[in-house]
C-alpha atoms as a PDB file:
ATOM      1  CA  UNK A   1     -39.767  61.756-222.727  1.00  0.00           C
ATOM      2  CA  UNK A   2     -39.175  65.264-221.332  1.00  0.00           C
ATOM      3  CA  UNK A   3     -42.778  66.123-222.111  1.00  0.00           C
ATOM      4  CA  UNK A   4     -43.987  63.046-220.163  1.00  0.00           C
ATOM      5  CA  UNK A   5     -41.841  63.950-217.152  1.00  0.00           C
ATOM      6  CA  UNK A   6     -43.255  67.464-217.208  1.00  0.00           C
ATOM      7  CA  UNK A   7     -46.807  66.105-217.212  1.00  0.00           C
ATOM      8  CA  UNK A   8     -45.996  63.788-214.304  1.00  0.00           C
ATOM      9  CA  UNK A   9     -44.443  66.613-212.265  1.00  0.00           C
ATOM     10  CA  UNK A  10     -47.372  68.956-212.935  1.00  0.00           C
ATOM     11  CA  UNK A  11     -49.857  66.221-212.063  1.00  0.00           C
ATOM     12  CA  UNK A  12     -48.012  65.468-208.821  1.00  0.00           C
ATOM     13  CA  UNK A  13     -48.021  69.158-207.893  1.00  0.00           C
ATOM     14  CA  UNK A  14     -51.746  69.458-208.606  1.00  0.00           C
ATOM     15  CA  UNK A  15     -52.559  66.348-206.552  1.00  0.00           C
ATOM     16  CA  UNK A  16     -50.344  67.561-203.692  1.00  0.00           C
ATOM     17  CA  UNK A  17     -52.018  70.972-203.748  1.00  0.00           C
ATOM     18  CA  UNK A  18     -55.485  69.394-203.629  1.00  0.00           C
ATOM     19  CA  UNK A  19     -54.471  67.120-200.749  1.00  0.00           C
ATOM     20  CA  UNK A  20     -53.040  70.044-198.770  1.00  0.00           C
ATOM     21  CA  UNK A  21     -56.197  72.043-199.411  1.00  0.00           C
ATOM     22  CA  UNK A  22     -58.429  69.176-198.228  1.00  0.00           C
ATOM     23  CA  UNK A  23     -56.283  68.517-195.148  1.00  0.00           C
ATOM     24  CA  UNK A  24     -56.312  72.239-194.360  1.00  0.00           C
ATOM     25  CA  UNK A  25     -60.104  72.329-194.648  1.00  0.00           C
ATOM     26  CA  UNK A  26     -60.398  69.322-192.341  1.00  0.00           C
ATOM     27  CA  UNK A  27     -58.059  70.933-189.810  1.00  0.00           C
ATOM     28  CA  UNK A  28     -60.085  74.154-189.902  1.00  0.00           C
ATOM     29  CA  UNK A  29     -63.271  72.134-189.256  1.00  0.00           C
ATOM     30  CA  UNK A  30     -61.597  70.463-186.271  1.00  0.00           C
ATOM     31  CA  UNK A  31     -60.387  73.770-184.811  1.00  0.00           C
ATOM     32  CA  UNK A  32     -63.791  75.390-185.288  1.00  0.00           C
ATOM     33  CA  UNK A  33     -65.501  72.500-183.484  1.00  0.00           C
ATOM     34  CA  UNK A  34     -63.166  72.921-180.494  1.00  0.00           C
ATOM     35  CA  UNK A  35     -63.648  76.678-180.574  1.00  0.00           C
ATOM     36  CA  UNK A  36     -67.414  76.293-180.256  1.00  0.00           C
ATOM     37  CA  UNK A  37     -67.232  73.719-177.432  1.00  0.00           C
ATOM     38  CA  UNK A  38     -63.878  72.733-175.872  1.00  0.00           C
ATOM     39  CA  UNK A  39     -63.271  69.005-175.499  1.00  0.00           C
ATOM     40  CA  UNK A  40     -63.361  68.982-171.689  1.00  0.00           C
ATOM     41  CA  UNK A  41     -66.726  70.773-171.670  1.00  0.00           C
ATOM     42  CA  UNK A  42     -68.113  68.364-174.230  1.00  0.00           C
ATOM     43  CA  UNK A  43     -67.003  65.343-172.193  1.00  0.00           C
ATOM     44  CA  UNK A  44     -68.392  66.870-169.010  1.00  0.00           C
ATOM     45  CA  UNK A  45     -71.823  67.292-170.620  1.00  0.00           C
ATOM     46  CA  UNK A  46     -71.819  63.634-171.732  1.00  0.00           C
ATOM     47  CA  UNK A  47     -70.951  62.424-168.239  1.00  0.00           C
ATOM     48  CA  UNK A  48     -73.888  64.378-166.837  1.00  0.00           C
ATOM     49  CA  UNK A  49     -76.417  62.366-168.843  1.00  0.00           C
ATOM     50  CA  UNK A  50     -79.187  60.866-166.717  1.00  0.00           C
ATOM     51  CA  UNK A  51     -78.414  57.301-167.820  1.00  0.00           C
ATOM     52  CA  UNK A  52     -74.651  57.624-168.245  1.00  0.00           C
ATOM     53  CA  UNK A  53     -73.192  54.116-167.972  1.00  0.00           C
ATOM     54  CA  UNK A  54     -69.799  53.625-166.351  1.00  0.00           C
ATOM     55  CA  UNK A  55     -67.514  50.999-167.807  1.00  0.00           C
ATOM     56  CA  UNK A  56     -67.575  48.904-164.643  1.00  0.00           C
ATOM     57  CA  UNK A  57     -71.383  48.681-164.926  1.00  0.00           C
ATOM     58  CA  UNK A  58     -71.247  46.615-168.114  1.00  0.00           C
ATOM     59  CA  UNK A  59     -70.202  42.950-168.369  1.00  0.00           C
ATOM     60  CA  UNK A  60     -66.728  42.163-169.701  1.00  0.00           C
ATOM     61  CA  UNK A  61     -68.210  40.188-172.584  1.00  0.00           C
ATOM     62  CA  UNK A  62     -69.982  43.329-173.797  1.00  0.00           C
ATOM     63  CA  UNK A  63     -66.720  45.290-173.813  1.00  0.00           C
ATOM     64  CA  UNK A  64     -64.948  42.444-175.618  1.00  0.00           C
ATOM     65  CA  UNK A  65     -67.754  42.261-178.183  1.00  0.00           C
ATOM     66  CA  UNK A  66     -67.600  46.006-178.906  1.00  0.00           C
ATOM     67  CA  UNK A  67     -63.836  45.928-179.426  1.00  0.00           C
ATOM     68  CA  UNK A  68     -63.974  42.781-181.568  1.00  0.00           C
ATOM     69  CA  UNK A  69     -66.628  44.086-183.942  1.00  0.00           C
ATOM     70  CA  UNK A  70     -65.667  47.776-184.034  1.00  0.00           C
ATOM     71  CA  UNK A  71     -61.921  48.106-183.513  1.00  0.00           C
ATOM     72  CA  UNK A  72     -59.942  45.011-182.540  1.00  0.00           C
ATOM     73  CA  UNK A  73     -56.669  46.960-182.347  1.00  0.00           C
ATOM     74  CA  UNK A  74     -58.210  49.560-180.020  1.00  0.00           C
ATOM     75  CA  UNK A  75     -55.711  49.071-177.196  1.00  0.00           C
ATOM     76  CA  UNK A  76     -52.742  49.020-179.586  1.00  0.00           C
ATOM     77  CA  UNK A  77     -53.170  52.151-181.719  1.00  0.00           C
ATOM     78  CA  UNK A  78     -53.164  55.833-180.753  1.00  0.00           C
ATOM     79  CA  UNK A  79     -56.524  56.815-182.188  1.00  0.00           C
ATOM     80  CA  UNK A  80     -55.800  56.039-185.821  1.00  0.00           C
ATOM     81  CA  UNK A  81     -55.522  52.538-187.290  1.00  0.00           C
ATOM     82  CA  UNK A  82     -53.375  52.889-190.417  1.00  0.00           C
ATOM     83  CA  UNK A  83     -53.990  49.264-191.429  1.00  0.00           C
ATOM     84  CA  UNK A  84     -57.774  49.677-191.254  1.00  0.00           C
ATOM     85  CA  UNK A  85     -57.641  52.995-193.132  1.00  0.00           C
ATOM     86  CA  UNK A  86     -55.494  51.447-195.858  1.00  0.00           C
ATOM     87  CA  UNK A  87     -57.875  48.504-196.235  1.00  0.00           C
ATOM     88  CA  UNK A  88     -60.887  50.825-196.347  1.00  0.00           C
ATOM     89  CA  UNK A  89     -59.215  53.123-198.894  1.00  0.00           C
ATOM     90  CA  UNK A  90     -58.398  50.145-201.126  1.00  0.00           C
ATOM     91  CA  UNK A  91     -61.992  48.906-201.018  1.00  0.00           C
ATOM     92  CA  UNK A  92     -63.376  52.405-201.631  1.00  0.00           C
ATOM     93  CA  UNK A  93     -61.161  52.851-204.704  1.00  0.00           C
ATOM     94  CA  UNK A  94     -62.002  49.364-205.950  1.00  0.00           C
ATOM     95  CA  UNK A  95     -65.742  50.025-205.714  1.00  0.00           C
ATOM     96  CA  UNK A  96     -65.564  53.734-206.632  1.00  0.00           C
ATOM     97  CA  UNK A  97     -67.484  54.523-203.474  1.00  0.00           C
ATOM     98  CA  UNK A  98     -66.580  56.294-200.227  1.00  0.00           C
ATOM     99  CA  UNK A  99     -68.369  53.638-198.176  1.00  0.00           C
ATOM    100  CA  UNK A 100     -65.753  52.232-195.802  1.00  0.00           C
ATOM    101  CA  UNK A 101     -64.074  54.562-193.369  1.00  0.00           C
ATOM    102  CA  UNK A 102     -61.745  52.378-191.337  1.00  0.00           C
ATOM    103  CA  UNK A 103     -62.757  54.377-188.269  1.00  0.00           C
ATOM    104  CA  UNK A 104     -61.436  53.423-184.860  1.00  0.00           C
ATOM    105  CA  UNK A 105     -63.569  53.619-181.717  1.00  0.00           C
ATOM    106  CA  UNK A 106     -61.836  56.923-180.932  1.00  0.00           C
ATOM    107  CA  UNK A 107     -62.682  58.307-184.369  1.00  0.00           C
ATOM    108  CA  UNK A 108     -66.278  57.172-183.977  1.00  0.00           C
ATOM    109  CA  UNK A 109     -66.420  58.926-180.610  1.00  0.00           C
ATOM    110  CA  UNK A 110     -65.117  62.105-182.251  1.00  0.00           C
ATOM    111  CA  UNK A 111     -67.798  61.767-184.896  1.00  0.00           C
ATOM    112  CA  UNK A 112     -70.527  61.088-182.342  1.00  0.00           C
ATOM    113  CA  UNK A 113     -69.795  64.133-180.212  1.00  0.00           C
ATOM    114  CA  UNK A 114     -68.633  66.718-182.755  1.00  0.00           C
ATOM    115  CA  UNK A 115     -69.429  65.806-186.336  1.00  0.00           C
ATOM    116  CA  UNK A 116     -72.133  64.291-188.511  1.00  0.00           C
ATOM    117  CA  UNK A 117     -72.434  60.942-190.275  1.00  0.00           C
ATOM    118  CA  UNK A 118     -71.882  62.741-193.589  1.00  0.00           C
ATOM    119  CA  UNK A 119     -69.381  60.873-195.762  1.00  0.00           C
ATOM    120  CA  UNK A 120     -67.048  63.711-196.766  1.00  0.00           C
ATOM    121  CA  UNK A 121     -63.270  63.630-196.837  1.00  0.00           C
ATOM    122  CA  UNK A 122     -62.951  66.950-194.988  1.00  0.00           C
ATOM    123  CA  UNK A 123     -65.137  65.621-192.170  1.00  0.00           C
ATOM    124  CA  UNK A 124     -63.045  62.463-192.050  1.00  0.00           C
ATOM    125  CA  UNK A 125     -59.853  64.480-191.717  1.00  0.00           C
ATOM    126  CA  UNK A 126     -61.391  66.650-188.974  1.00  0.00           C
ATOM    127  CA  UNK A 127     -62.356  63.427-187.216  1.00  0.00           C
ATOM    128  CA  UNK A 128     -58.740  62.213-187.361  1.00  0.00           C
ATOM    129  CA  UNK A 129     -57.439  65.421-185.757  1.00  0.00           C
ATOM    130  CA  UNK A 130     -60.132  65.210-183.080  1.00  0.00           C
ATOM    131  CA  UNK A 131     -59.332  61.549-182.404  1.00  0.00           C
ATOM    132  CA  UNK A 132     -55.694  62.437-181.765  1.00  0.00           C
ATOM    133  CA  UNK A 133     -56.790  65.166-179.376  1.00  0.00           C
ATOM    134  CA  UNK A 134     -59.064  62.756-177.494  1.00  0.00           C
ATOM    135  CA  UNK A 135     -56.296  60.151-177.198  1.00  0.00           C
ATOM    136  CA  UNK A 136     -53.949  62.829-175.901  1.00  0.00           C
ATOM    137  CA  UNK A 137     -56.294  63.723-173.039  1.00  0.00           C
ATOM    138  CA  UNK A 138     -58.076  60.491-172.079  1.00  0.00           C
ATOM    139  CA  UNK A 139     -57.021  56.905-171.471  1.00  0.00           C
ATOM    140  CA  UNK A 140     -58.413  53.959-173.422  1.00  0.00           C
ATOM    141  CA  UNK A 141     -60.938  52.843-170.813  1.00  0.00           C
ATOM    142  CA  UNK A 142     -62.401  56.341-170.551  1.00  0.00           C
ATOM    143  CA  UNK A 143     -62.609  56.571-174.357  1.00  0.00           C
ATOM    144  CA  UNK A 144     -64.449  53.249-174.510  1.00  0.00           C
ATOM    145  CA  UNK A 145     -66.788  54.402-171.732  1.00  0.00           C
ATOM    146  CA  UNK A 146     -67.551  57.635-173.587  1.00  0.00           C
ATOM    147  CA  UNK A 147     -68.118  55.697-176.806  1.00  0.00           C
ATOM    148  CA  UNK A 148     -70.785  53.448-175.287  1.00  0.00           C
ATOM    149  CA  UNK A 149     -72.534  56.552-173.954  1.00  0.00           C
ATOM    150  CA  UNK A 150     -72.663  58.385-177.281  1.00  0.00           C
ATOM    151  CA  UNK A 151     -73.516  55.561-179.694  1.00  0.00           C
ATOM    152  CA  UNK A 152     -77.056  55.223-181.024  1.00  0.00           C
ATOM    153  CA  UNK A 153     -78.685  51.878-180.218  1.00  0.00           C
ATOM    154  CA  UNK A 154     -82.012  52.529-181.945  1.00  0.00           C
ATOM    155  CA  UNK A 155     -85.459  53.236-180.447  1.00  0.00           C
ATOM    156  CA  UNK A 156     -84.175  56.507-178.960  1.00  0.00           C
ATOM    157  CA  UNK A 157     -81.461  54.896-176.793  1.00  0.00           C
ATOM    158  CA  UNK A 158     -78.055  56.589-176.618  1.00  0.00           C
ATOM    159  CA  UNK A 159     -76.411  54.760-173.719  1.00  0.00           C
ATOM    160  CA  UNK A 160     -75.953  51.098-172.811  1.00  0.00           C
ATOM    161  CA  UNK A 161     -78.122  51.556-169.727  1.00  0.00           C
ATOM    162  CA  UNK A 162     -80.999  52.955-171.784  1.00  0.00           C
ATOM    163  CA  UNK A 163     -80.672  50.191-174.375  1.00  0.00           C
ATOM    164  CA  UNK A 164     -80.400  47.286-171.910  1.00  0.00           C
ATOM    165  CA  UNK A 165     -83.405  48.541-169.973  1.00  0.00           C
ATOM    166  CA  UNK A 166     -85.331  49.316-173.117  1.00  0.00           C
ATOM    167  CA  UNK A 167     -84.736  46.097-175.033  1.00  0.00           C
ATOM    168  CA  UNK A 168     -84.360  43.582-172.232  1.00  0.00           C
ATOM    169  CA  UNK A 169     -85.838  45.186-169.114  1.00  0.00           C
ATOM    170  CA  UNK A 170     -82.510  44.744-167.317  1.00  0.00           C
ATOM    171  CA  UNK A 171     -79.616  46.708-165.935  1.00  0.00           C
ATOM    172  CA  UNK A 172     -76.445  46.355-168.050  1.00  0.00           C
ATOM    173  CA  UNK A 173     -74.775  43.920-165.642  1.00  0.00           C
ATOM    174  CA  UNK A 174     -77.873  41.696-165.680  1.00  0.00           C
ATOM    175  CA  UNK A 175     -77.748  41.002-169.413  1.00  0.00           C
ATOM    176  CA  UNK A 176     -77.088  37.463-170.573  1.00  0.00           C
ATOM    177  CA  UNK A 177     -73.977  36.872-172.637  1.00  0.00           C
ATOM    178  CA  UNK A 178     -76.055  36.684-175.802  1.00  0.00           C
ATOM    179  CA  UNK A 179     -77.958  39.883-175.004  1.00  0.00           C
ATOM    180  CA  UNK A 180     -74.699  41.740-174.333  1.00  0.00           C
ATOM    181  CA  UNK A 181     -73.270  40.565-177.653  1.00  0.00           C
ATOM    182  CA  UNK A 182     -76.443  41.479-179.520  1.00  0.00           C
ATOM    183  CA  UNK A 183     -76.340  44.982-178.019  1.00  0.00           C
ATOM    184  CA  UNK A 184     -72.715  45.434-179.117  1.00  0.00           C
ATOM    185  CA  UNK A 185     -73.695  44.841-182.730  1.00  0.00           C
ATOM    186  CA  UNK A 186     -76.577  47.305-182.960  1.00  0.00           C
ATOM    187  CA  UNK A 187     -74.811  50.719-183.349  1.00  0.00           C
ATOM    188  CA  UNK A 188     -73.414  49.729-186.764  1.00  0.00           C
ATOM    189  CA  UNK A 189     -76.940  50.076-188.209  1.00  0.00           C
ATOM    190  CA  UNK A 190     -79.632  50.600-185.535  1.00  0.00           C
ATOM    191  CA  UNK A 191     -82.451  50.925-188.066  1.00  0.00           C
ATOM    192  CA  UNK A 192     -81.590  47.417-189.291  1.00  0.00           C
ATOM    193  CA  UNK A 193     -80.237  45.552-186.261  1.00  0.00           C
ATOM    194  CA  UNK A 194     -82.444  46.819-183.432  1.00  0.00           C
ATOM    195  CA  UNK A 195     -84.280  43.721-182.158  1.00  0.00           C
ATOM    196  CA  UNK A 196     -87.590  45.597-182.126  1.00  0.00           C
ATOM    197  CA  UNK A 197     -87.141  46.270-185.848  1.00  0.00           C
ATOM    198  CA  UNK A 198     -86.127  42.831-187.060  1.00  0.00           C
ATOM    199  CA  UNK A 199     -85.313  40.106-184.569  1.00  0.00           C
ATOM    200  CA  UNK A 200     -83.984  37.807-187.311  1.00  0.00           C
ATOM    201  CA  UNK A 201     -81.441  40.384-188.494  1.00  0.00           C
ATOM    202  CA  UNK A 202     -80.563  41.234-184.885  1.00  0.00           C
ATOM    203  CA  UNK A 203     -79.709  37.572-184.304  1.00  0.00           C
ATOM    204  CA  UNK A 204     -77.745  37.421-187.562  1.00  0.00           C
ATOM    205  CA  UNK A 205     -75.725  40.455-186.495  1.00  0.00           C
ATOM    206  CA  UNK A 206     -75.106  38.883-183.060  1.00  0.00           C
ATOM    207  CA  UNK A 207     -73.702  35.831-184.825  1.00  0.00           C
ATOM    208  CA  UNK A 208     -71.341  38.075-186.832  1.00  0.00           C
ATOM    209  CA  UNK A 209     -70.123  39.648-183.597  1.00  0.00           C
ATOM    210  CA  UNK A 210     -69.530  36.214-182.046  1.00  0.00           C
ATOM    211  CA  UNK A 211     -67.527  35.139-185.102  1.00  0.00           C
ATOM    212  CA  UNK A 212     -65.331  38.231-184.748  1.00  0.00           C
ATOM    213  CA  UNK A 213     -64.849  37.474-181.067  1.00  0.00           C
ATOM    214  CA  UNK A 214     -63.615  34.009-181.963  1.00  0.00           C
ATOM    215  CA  UNK A 215     -61.371  35.406-184.708  1.00  0.00           C
ATOM    216  CA  UNK A 216     -59.710  37.874-182.323  1.00  0.00           C
ATOM    217  CA  UNK A 217     -59.427  35.390-179.438  1.00  0.00           C
ATOM    218  CA  UNK A 218     -62.038  36.897-177.148  1.00  0.00           C
ATOM    219  CA  UNK A 219     -63.984  33.639-177.226  1.00  0.00           C
ATOM    220  CA  UNK A 220     -63.041  30.027-177.737  1.00  0.00           C
ATOM    221  CA  UNK A 221     -65.032  28.182-180.360  1.00  0.00           C
ATOM    222  CA  UNK A 222     -66.685  25.928-177.777  1.00  0.00           C
ATOM    223  CA  UNK A 223     -67.876  28.918-175.745  1.00  0.00           C
ATOM    224  CA  UNK A 224     -69.083  30.686-178.890  1.00  0.00           C
ATOM    225  CA  UNK A 225     -71.201  27.683-179.856  1.00  0.00           C
ATOM    226  CA  UNK A 226     -72.566  27.488-176.321  1.00  0.00           C
ATOM    227  CA  UNK A 227     -73.667  31.143-176.472  1.00  0.00           C
ATOM    228  CA  UNK A 228     -75.202  30.684-179.917  1.00  0.00           C
ATOM    229  CA  UNK A 229     -77.145  27.641-178.773  1.00  0.00           C
ATOM    230  CA  UNK A 230     -78.445  29.453-175.694  1.00  0.00           C
ATOM    231  CA  UNK A 231     -79.788  32.389-177.746  1.00  0.00           C
ATOM    232  CA  UNK A 232     -81.211  33.856-174.547  1.00  0.00           C
ATOM    233  CA  UNK A 233     -83.247  36.814-175.763  1.00  0.00           C
ATOM    234  CA  UNK A 234     -86.665  36.065-174.383  1.00  0.00           C
ATOM    235  CA  UNK A 235     -87.562  39.517-173.099  1.00  0.00           C
ATOM    236  CA  UNK A 236     -87.278  41.857-176.082  1.00  0.00           C
ATOM    237  CA  UNK A 237     -89.974  44.482-175.845  1.00  0.00           C
ATOM    238  CA  UNK A 238     -91.932  45.830-178.756  1.00  0.00           C
ATOM    239  CA  UNK A 239     -91.352  49.538-179.359  1.00  0.00           C
ATOM    240  CA  UNK A 240     -95.069  50.176-178.816  1.00  0.00           C
ATOM    241  CA  UNK A 241     -95.064  48.671-175.334  1.00  0.00           C
ATOM    242  CA  UNK A 242     -91.850  50.396-174.290  1.00  0.00           C
ATOM    243  CA  UNK A 243     -93.298  53.743-175.360  1.00  0.00           C
ATOM    244  CA  UNK A 244     -96.213  53.040-173.035  1.00  0.00           C
ATOM    245  CA  UNK A 245     -93.778  52.485-170.174  1.00  0.00           C
ATOM    246  CA  UNK A 246     -91.893  55.651-171.123  1.00  0.00           C
ATOM    247  CA  UNK A 247     -95.174  57.550-170.809  1.00  0.00           C
ATOM    248  CA  UNK A 248     -95.643  56.094-167.317  1.00  0.00           C
ATOM    249  CA  UNK A 249     -92.115  57.188-166.414  1.00  0.00           C
ATOM    250  CA  UNK A 250     -92.853  60.772-167.454  1.00  0.00           C
ATOM    251  CA  UNK A 251     -96.359  60.832-165.957  1.00  0.00           C
ATOM    252  CA  UNK A 252     -95.544  59.258-162.579  1.00  0.00           C
ATOM    253  CA  UNK A 253     -92.289  60.963-161.512  1.00  0.00           C
ATOM    254  CA  UNK A 254     -92.923  60.113-157.863  1.00  0.00           C
ATOM    255  CA  UNK A 255     -91.883  56.517-158.535  1.00  0.00           C
ATOM    256  CA  UNK A 256     -88.211  55.708-158.395  1.00  0.00           C
ATOM    257  CA  UNK A 257     -87.887  54.264-161.862  1.00  0.00           C
ATOM    258  CA  UNK A 258     -86.469  50.860-162.537  1.00  0.00           C
ATOM    259  CA  UNK A 259     -87.806  49.284-165.722  1.00  0.00           C
ATOM    260  CA  UNK A 260     -87.174  45.698-164.688  1.00  0.00           C
ATOM    261  CA  UNK A 261     -88.670  46.266-161.206  1.00  0.00           C
ATOM    262  CA  UNK A 262     -91.693  48.051-162.660  1.00  0.00           C
ATOM    263  CA  UNK A 263     -92.382  45.297-165.182  1.00  0.00           C
ATOM    264  CA  UNK A 264     -92.204  42.600-162.526  1.00  0.00           C
ATOM    265  CA  UNK A 265     -94.240  44.339-159.820  1.00  0.00           C
ATOM    266  CA  UNK A 266     -96.855  46.674-161.264  1.00  0.00           C
ATOM    267  CA  UNK A 267    -100.370  45.620-162.244  1.00  0.00           C
ATOM    268  CA  UNK A 268    -101.177  48.882-163.991  1.00  0.00           C
ATOM    269  CA  UNK A 269     -99.924  47.605-167.333  1.00  0.00           C
ATOM    270  CA  UNK A 270     -99.295  44.197-168.793  1.00  0.00           C
ATOM    271  CA  UNK A 271     -96.264  44.285-171.062  1.00  0.00           C
ATOM    272  CA  UNK A 272     -96.382  41.633-173.730  1.00  0.00           C
ATOM    273  CA  UNK A 273     -92.938  40.448-174.663  1.00  0.00           C
ATOM    274  CA  UNK A 274     -91.723  38.800-177.836  1.00  0.00           C
END
């Protein structure tokens, strides 16, 4: 019995030592990231993007969709969602795979602006420290705004404005409800859910987002069914055609660029839509 207790104590000490070492490594990664570029400087550079999209430029249904699918407790936690982390840890242990991260929108923002997508525990811990620092310095609306300007939407688009213009030929506030919901679902896996890659999967993902919105009371079931039935995504551009327009944008800088205006009014190119 004494021998068993000794083994348990030694094992606990070893595990504790490993955990402290990993946490220390994650903290060092976080401090080094801030040392290279302070948080305020990093945020300032993001806000200076050409197509930076302010939160009041996007429809409310887009914001609701993002929160429902990415982090439904966003306005309730302080950067870290213990419930989500616990659920993710349980599933990772059950499947012997570090696949689920339980990341909040704030953690994803930290990852987007400072770290990589690499699935390492030290990176995850650094992300947690950075998330707490972000929450300490910025309010929730600003964090959400920064998130939608640092997420990857596929096809080279890193802001909502770029993505809404690129996929739908519209400004963010001109998107239909279905288009806004579809856009909210893309950053989870842009190479899969971008509508120019696979429209069927893009629609399937949009349906998942709508279901989450119903689950978390952002939509009533009747409204959700109405949006699903409308399925208003008639103007998705092919990547090939949008690249042609991007070439025009670079080649003809004298024009004040507006993708939707250009598509409607120019006769230089005919853009075939799917």
